[in-house]
């Protein structure tokens, strides 16, 4: 398994999707479905770039300091 991250336009601010999947194709399917479900299909059309993150090392995946 690998971690995949997509970032693009959201409703008001940027949107981020982080998923685990066995391959890029599976990750794309999961992310696309979630964006459609969240009424952000246009965001998927604007940017289909997905970052692949290896998980065989210690890494920070998501950090939110609560600041604007």
N, C-alpha and C. Protein backbone atom coordinates (compact mmCIF):
# COMPACT_ATOMS: atom_id res chain seq x y z
N UNK A 1 0.84 -1.18 0.00
CA UNK A 1 0.00 0.00 0.00
C UNK A 1 0.88 1.24 0.00
N UNK A 2 0.35 2.27 -0.60
CA UNK A 2 1.01 3.57 -0.63
C UNK A 2 -0.01 4.63 -0.25
N UNK A 3 0.49 5.80 0.06
CA UNK A 3 -0.37 6.94 0.36
C UNK A 3 -0.33 7.86 -0.86
N UNK A 4 -1.50 8.36 -1.24
CA UNK A 4 -1.63 9.25 -2.37
C UNK A 4 -2.35 10.52 -1.91
N UNK A 5 -1.86 11.68 -2.39
CA UNK A 5 -2.45 12.94 -1.98
C UNK A 5 -2.78 13.78 -3.21
N UNK A 6 -3.99 14.30 -3.23
CA UNK A 6 -4.45 15.21 -4.28
C UNK A 6 -4.79 16.54 -3.63
N UNK A 7 -4.42 17.63 -4.28
CA UNK A 7 -4.79 18.96 -3.81
C UNK A 7 -5.34 19.76 -4.97
N UNK A 8 -6.39 20.53 -4.70
CA UNK A 8 -7.00 21.35 -5.75
C UNK A 8 -7.98 22.33 -5.16
N UNK A 9 -8.87 22.82 -5.98
CA UNK A 9 -9.86 23.81 -5.56
C UNK A 9 -10.95 23.16 -4.73
N UNK A 10 -11.35 23.86 -3.66
CA UNK A 10 -12.46 23.41 -2.83
C UNK A 10 -13.63 24.37 -2.98
N UNK A 11 -14.60 24.27 -2.10
CA UNK A 11 -15.76 25.16 -2.17
C UNK A 11 -15.36 26.60 -1.85
N UNK A 12 -14.56 26.79 -0.79
CA UNK A 12 -14.15 28.14 -0.38
C UNK A 12 -12.64 28.28 -0.36
N UNK A 13 -11.95 27.25 0.05
CA UNK A 13 -10.50 27.22 0.12
C UNK A 13 -10.01 26.02 -0.68
N UNK A 14 -8.73 25.73 -0.59
CA UNK A 14 -8.19 24.55 -1.26
C UNK A 14 -8.72 23.27 -0.66
N UNK A 15 -8.81 22.24 -1.48
CA UNK A 15 -9.26 20.92 -1.03
C UNK A 15 -8.09 19.96 -1.08
N UNK A 16 -8.08 19.00 -0.16
CA UNK A 16 -7.05 17.97 -0.11
C UNK A 16 -7.70 16.63 0.13
N UNK A 17 -7.28 15.62 -0.63
CA UNK A 17 -7.72 14.25 -0.43
C UNK A 17 -6.47 13.40 -0.21
N UNK A 18 -6.46 12.63 0.85
CA UNK A 18 -5.36 11.71 1.15
C UNK A 18 -5.95 10.32 1.27
N UNK A 19 -5.44 9.38 0.47
CA UNK A 19 -5.97 8.02 0.49
C UNK A 19 -4.83 7.01 0.55
N UNK A 20 -5.15 5.81 0.98
CA UNK A 20 -4.21 4.69 0.85
C UNK A 20 -4.77 3.79 -0.24
N UNK A 21 -3.88 3.28 -1.07
CA UNK A 21 -4.31 2.41 -2.16
C UNK A 21 -3.13 1.55 -2.60
N UNK A 22 -3.45 0.49 -3.33
CA UNK A 22 -2.40 -0.41 -3.80
C UNK A 22 -1.70 0.11 -5.05
N UNK A 23 -2.35 1.05 -5.78
CA UNK A 23 -1.74 1.60 -6.99
C UNK A 23 -2.37 2.95 -7.32
N UNK A 24 -1.75 3.68 -8.23
CA UNK A 24 -2.22 5.01 -8.62
C UNK A 24 -3.62 4.95 -9.20
N UNK A 25 -3.90 3.95 -10.01
CA UNK A 25 -5.22 3.83 -10.64
C UNK A 25 -6.33 3.71 -9.59
N UNK A 26 -6.10 2.91 -8.56
CA UNK A 26 -7.08 2.77 -7.48
C UNK A 26 -7.25 4.09 -6.73
N UNK A 27 -6.15 4.78 -6.48
CA UNK A 27 -6.20 6.07 -5.79
C UNK A 27 -7.00 7.09 -6.60
N UNK A 28 -6.77 7.13 -7.90
CA UNK A 28 -7.51 8.05 -8.77
C UNK A 28 -9.01 7.78 -8.69
N UNK A 29 -9.38 6.51 -8.70
CA UNK A 29 -10.80 6.14 -8.64
C UNK A 29 -11.43 6.60 -7.33
N UNK A 30 -10.74 6.39 -6.22
CA UNK A 30 -11.25 6.77 -4.91
C UNK A 30 -11.39 8.30 -4.81
N UNK A 31 -10.34 9.00 -5.22
CA UNK A 31 -10.33 10.46 -5.13
C UNK A 31 -11.40 11.07 -6.03
N UNK A 32 -11.49 10.60 -7.26
CA UNK A 32 -12.49 11.12 -8.19
C UNK A 32 -13.90 10.92 -7.64
N UNK A 33 -14.19 9.74 -7.10
CA UNK A 33 -15.52 9.47 -6.54
C UNK A 33 -15.83 10.41 -5.38
N UNK A 34 -14.86 10.61 -4.49
CA UNK A 34 -15.08 11.48 -3.34
C UNK A 34 -15.30 12.92 -3.78
N UNK A 35 -14.55 13.38 -4.77
CA UNK A 35 -14.74 14.75 -5.26
C UNK A 35 -16.11 14.92 -5.90
N UNK A 36 -16.55 13.93 -6.65
CA UNK A 36 -17.90 13.98 -7.24
C UNK A 36 -18.95 14.00 -6.13
N UNK A 37 -18.78 13.15 -5.12
CA UNK A 37 -19.72 13.11 -3.99
C UNK A 37 -19.77 14.43 -3.23
N UNK A 38 -18.65 15.16 -3.21
CA UNK A 38 -18.57 16.45 -2.52
C UNK A 38 -18.91 17.61 -3.45
N UNK A 39 -19.41 17.30 -4.64
CA UNK A 39 -19.77 18.30 -5.65
C UNK A 39 -18.57 19.13 -6.09
N UNK A 40 -17.41 18.47 -6.22
CA UNK A 40 -16.18 19.12 -6.66
C UNK A 40 -15.62 18.45 -7.92
N UNK A 41 -16.50 17.93 -8.77
CA UNK A 41 -16.05 17.25 -9.99
C UNK A 41 -15.21 18.17 -10.87
N UNK A 42 -15.54 19.46 -10.90
CA UNK A 42 -14.78 20.41 -11.71
C UNK A 42 -13.33 20.50 -11.22
N UNK A 43 -13.12 20.38 -9.92
CA UNK A 43 -11.77 20.42 -9.36
C UNK A 43 -10.93 19.27 -9.89
N UNK A 44 -11.53 18.10 -10.04
CA UNK A 44 -10.83 16.94 -10.58
C UNK A 44 -10.44 17.19 -12.04
N UNK A 45 -11.33 17.82 -12.79
CA UNK A 45 -11.04 18.12 -14.20
C UNK A 45 -9.91 19.15 -14.31
N UNK A 46 -9.85 20.08 -13.36
CA UNK A 46 -8.81 21.12 -13.38
C UNK A 46 -7.43 20.56 -13.04
N UNK A 47 -7.39 19.61 -12.13
CA UNK A 47 -6.10 19.07 -11.69
C UNK A 47 -6.24 17.60 -11.33
N UNK A 48 -5.55 16.76 -12.07
CA UNK A 48 -5.54 15.32 -11.80
C UNK A 48 -4.18 14.88 -11.26
N UNK A 49 -3.37 15.82 -10.84
CA UNK A 49 -2.03 15.51 -10.33
C UNK A 49 -2.13 14.93 -8.92
N UNK A 50 -1.56 13.76 -8.75
CA UNK A 50 -1.59 13.07 -7.46
C UNK A 50 -0.16 12.77 -7.04
N UNK A 51 0.13 13.11 -5.80
CA UNK A 51 1.46 12.83 -5.25
C UNK A 51 1.47 11.45 -4.60
N UNK A 52 2.46 10.65 -4.94
CA UNK A 52 2.62 9.32 -4.35
C UNK A 52 3.62 9.41 -3.22
N UNK A 53 3.25 8.89 -2.05
CA UNK A 53 4.10 8.97 -0.87
C UNK A 53 4.44 7.56 -0.40
N UNK A 54 5.71 7.25 -0.38
CA UNK A 54 6.15 5.94 0.13
C UNK A 54 5.91 5.90 1.64
N UNK A 55 5.50 4.76 2.15
CA UNK A 55 5.25 4.67 3.59
C UNK A 55 6.23 3.73 4.29
N UNK A 56 7.37 3.53 3.69
CA UNK A 56 8.38 2.68 4.33
C UNK A 56 9.34 3.50 5.19
N UNK A 57 8.97 4.75 5.47
CA UNK A 57 9.79 5.63 6.28
C UNK A 57 8.86 6.48 7.14
N UNK A 58 9.36 7.02 8.22
CA UNK A 58 8.57 7.89 9.09
C UNK A 58 8.42 9.26 8.41
N UNK A 59 7.19 9.73 8.29
CA UNK A 59 6.91 11.01 7.65
C UNK A 59 5.68 11.64 8.27
N UNK A 60 5.64 12.97 8.25
CA UNK A 60 4.42 13.69 8.58
C UNK A 60 3.55 13.70 7.34
N UNK A 61 2.35 13.20 7.44
CA UNK A 61 1.45 13.16 6.30
C UNK A 61 0.55 14.39 6.28
N UNK A 62 0.04 14.79 7.42
CA UNK A 62 -0.85 15.95 7.46
C UNK A 62 -0.62 16.70 8.76
N UNK A 63 -0.47 18.00 8.66
CA UNK A 63 -0.35 18.86 9.83
C UNK A 63 -1.23 20.07 9.64
N UNK A 64 -1.96 20.46 10.66
CA UNK A 64 -2.86 21.62 10.57
C UNK A 64 -2.66 22.42 11.84
N UNK A 65 -2.07 23.62 11.71
CA UNK A 65 -1.80 24.43 12.91
C UNK A 65 -2.99 25.31 13.28
N UNK A 66 -4.08 25.24 12.52
CA UNK A 66 -5.28 25.99 12.86
C UNK A 66 -5.22 27.47 12.49
N UNK A 67 -4.19 27.89 11.83
CA UNK A 67 -4.04 29.28 11.44
C UNK A 67 -4.64 29.52 10.06
N UNK A 68 -5.02 30.74 9.79
CA UNK A 68 -5.54 31.09 8.46
C UNK A 68 -4.37 31.21 7.55
